[in-house]
Amino acid sequence: MQRRRAGRAQDDADQQAANQAAYESQRELDDMQRQMDQLQAQQAPAAAPAPAAGDDNLMDQLTKLADLKAAGVLTDAEFGAAKAKLLGA
């Protein structure tokens, strides 16, 4: 009888841990989605090339894209398309 209770308690603990992990994963995905939304908003086509001071901003954006790709949020194709938009290609 105690084994059965211990097994249930372990199952409950495992389920709670799984739920917590799922919650944390969802929060991370939500954060990454907000970052993607911000990047997409920043990618509006420019009429002229960005000034030299904007180079740092461009590098920051490219770095963020690379981080999102490395985290598995972006596929290779999505990364390439976003990168092309940033570079004006």
C-alpha atoms as a PDB file:
ATOM      1  CA  MET A   1       0.000   0.000   0.000  1.00  0.00           C
ATOM      2  CA  GLN A   2       2.819   2.407   0.871  1.00  0.00           C
ATOM      3  CA  ARG A   3       4.599   1.580  -2.377  1.00  0.00           C
ATOM      4  CA  ARG A   4       1.499   2.521  -4.287  1.00  0.00           C
ATOM      5  CA  ARG A   5       1.280   5.853  -2.422  1.00  0.00           C
ATOM      6  CA  ALA A   6       4.984   6.477  -2.954  1.00  0.00           C
ATOM      7  CA  GLY A   7       4.544   5.710  -6.649  1.00  0.00           C
ATOM      8  CA  ARG A   8       1.636   8.127  -6.901  1.00  0.00           C
ATOM      9  CA  ALA A   9       3.576  10.783  -5.028  1.00  0.00           C
ATOM     10  CA  GLN A  10       6.483  10.335  -7.439  1.00  0.00           C
ATOM     11  CA  ASP A  11       4.108  10.468 -10.416  1.00  0.00           C
ATOM     12  CA  ASP A  12       2.612  13.689  -9.032  1.00  0.00           C
ATOM     13  CA  ALA A  13       6.076  15.167  -8.522  1.00  0.00           C
ATOM     14  CA  ASP A  14       7.113  14.145 -12.036  1.00  0.00           C
ATOM     15  CA  GLN A  15       3.951  15.685 -13.485  1.00  0.00           C
ATOM     16  CA  GLN A  16       4.501  18.891 -11.535  1.00  0.00           C
ATOM     17  CA  ALA A  17       8.102  19.088 -12.770  1.00  0.00           C
ATOM     18  CA  ALA A  18       6.942  18.498 -16.341  1.00  0.00           C
ATOM     19  CA  ASN A  19       4.290  21.201 -15.996  1.00  0.00           C
ATOM     20  CA  GLN A  20       6.864  23.640 -14.625  1.00  0.00           C
ATOM     21  CA  ALA A  21       9.259  22.872 -17.464  1.00  0.00           C
ATOM     22  CA  ALA A  22       6.481  23.358 -20.013  1.00  0.00           C
ATOM     23  CA  TYR A  23       5.529  26.673 -18.403  1.00  0.00           C
ATOM     24  CA  GLU A  24       9.120  27.898 -18.475  1.00  0.00           C
ATOM     25  CA  SER A  25       9.536  26.785 -22.085  1.00  0.00           C
ATOM     26  CA  GLN A  26       6.385  28.645 -23.046  1.00  0.00           C
ATOM     27  CA  ARG A  27       7.641  31.795 -21.304  1.00  0.00           C
ATOM     28  CA  GLU A  28      10.909  31.540 -23.226  1.00  0.00           C
ATOM     29  CA  LEU A  29       9.021  31.077 -26.486  1.00  0.00           C
ATOM     30  CA  ASP A  30       6.831  34.089 -25.687  1.00  0.00           C
ATOM     31  CA  ASP A  31       9.941  36.185 -24.983  1.00  0.00           C
ATOM     32  CA  MET A  32      11.538  35.064 -28.245  1.00  0.00           C
ATOM     33  CA  GLN A  33       8.340  35.821 -30.138  1.00  0.00           C
ATOM     34  CA  ARG A  34       8.340  39.357 -28.713  1.00  0.00           C
ATOM     35  CA  GLN A  35      11.945  39.743 -29.854  1.00  0.00           C
ATOM     36  CA  MET A  36      11.018  38.501 -33.326  1.00  0.00           C
ATOM     37  CA  ASP A  37       8.093  40.922 -33.467  1.00  0.00           C
ATOM     38  CA  GLN A  38      10.414  43.775 -32.531  1.00  0.00           C
ATOM     39  CA  LEU A  39      12.935  42.726 -35.174  1.00  0.00           C
ATOM     40  CA  GLN A  40      10.255  42.508 -37.826  1.00  0.00           C
ATOM     41  CA  ALA A  41       8.992  45.962 -36.892  1.00  0.00           C
ATOM     42  CA  GLN A  42      12.528  47.307 -37.266  1.00  0.00           C
ATOM     43  CA  GLN A  43      12.942  45.752 -40.700  1.00  0.00           C
ATOM     44  CA  ALA A  44      10.789  48.229 -42.591  1.00  0.00           C
ATOM     45  CA  PRO A  45      12.479  48.984 -45.927  1.00  0.00           C
ATOM     46  CA  ALA A  46      14.648  52.094 -45.846  1.00  0.00           C
ATOM     47  CA  ALA A  47      14.752  54.587 -48.713  1.00  0.00           C
ATOM     48  CA  ALA A  48      18.510  55.055 -48.380  1.00  0.00           C
ATOM     49  CA  PRO A  49      21.345  53.098 -46.816  1.00  0.00           C
ATOM     50  CA  ALA A  50      21.699  53.584 -43.094  1.00  0.00           C
ATOM     51  CA  PRO A  51      24.320  56.079 -41.939  1.00  0.00           C
ATOM     52  CA  ALA A  52      27.569  54.851 -40.405  1.00  0.00           C
ATOM     53  CA  ALA A  53      26.163  55.281 -36.877  1.00  0.00           C
ATOM     54  CA  GLY A  54      23.480  52.744 -37.813  1.00  0.00           C
ATOM     55  CA  ASP A  55      26.111  50.078 -38.437  1.00  0.00           C
ATOM     56  CA  ASP A  56      26.192  49.241 -34.727  1.00  0.00           C
ATOM     57  CA  ASN A  57      22.413  48.863 -34.741  1.00  0.00           C
ATOM     58  CA  LEU A  58      22.619  46.613 -37.799  1.00  0.00           C
ATOM     59  CA  MET A  59      25.239  44.464 -36.129  1.00  0.00           C
ATOM     60  CA  ASP A  60      23.075  44.230 -33.004  1.00  0.00           C
ATOM     61  CA  GLN A  61      20.120  43.116 -35.091  1.00  0.00           C
ATOM     62  CA  LEU A  62      22.185  40.554 -36.983  1.00  0.00           C
ATOM     63  CA  THR A  63      23.547  39.258 -33.679  1.00  0.00           C
ATOM     64  CA  LYS A  64      20.024  38.923 -32.295  1.00  0.00           C
ATOM     65  CA  LEU A  65      18.971  37.031 -35.407  1.00  0.00           C
ATOM     66  CA  ALA A  66      21.949  34.709 -35.066  1.00  0.00           C
ATOM     67  CA  ASP A  67      21.076  34.129 -31.407  1.00  0.00           C
ATOM     68  CA  LEU A  68      17.482  33.282 -32.312  1.00  0.00           C
ATOM     69  CA  LYS A  69      18.700  30.875 -34.982  1.00  0.00           C
ATOM     70  CA  ALA A  70      21.135  29.262 -32.552  1.00  0.00           C
ATOM     71  CA  ALA A  71      18.308  28.887 -30.019  1.00  0.00           C
ATOM     72  CA  GLY A  72      16.262  27.052 -32.621  1.00  0.00           C
ATOM     73  CA  VAL A  73      13.608  29.760 -32.891  1.00  0.00           C
ATOM     74  CA  LEU A  74      14.458  30.515 -36.523  1.00  0.00           C
ATOM     75  CA  THR A  75      14.998  28.014 -39.289  1.00  0.00           C
ATOM     76  CA  ASP A  76      17.854  28.501 -41.749  1.00  0.00           C
ATOM     77  CA  ALA A  77      15.380  29.862 -44.294  1.00  0.00           C
ATOM     78  CA  GLU A  78      13.803  32.294 -41.835  1.00  0.00           C
ATOM     79  CA  PHE A  79      17.233  33.462 -40.712  1.00  0.00           C
ATOM     80  CA  GLY A  80      18.340  33.982 -44.308  1.00  0.00           C
ATOM     81  CA  ALA A  81      15.215  35.946 -45.183  1.00  0.00           C
ATOM     82  CA  ALA A  82      15.461  38.173 -42.107  1.00  0.00           C
ATOM     83  CA  LYS A  83      19.160  38.729 -42.714  1.00  0.00           C
ATOM     84  CA  ALA A  84      18.510  39.657 -46.348  1.00  0.00           C
ATOM     85  CA  LYS A  85      15.891  42.187 -45.247  1.00  0.00           C
ATOM     86  CA  LEU A  86      18.308  43.748 -42.770  1.00  0.00           C
ATOM     87  CA  LEU A  87      21.036  43.985 -45.371  1.00  0.00           C
ATOM     88  CA  GLY A  88      18.661  45.410 -47.966  1.00  0.00           C
ATOM     89  CA  ALA A  89      19.213  42.551 -50.389  1.00  0.00           C
END
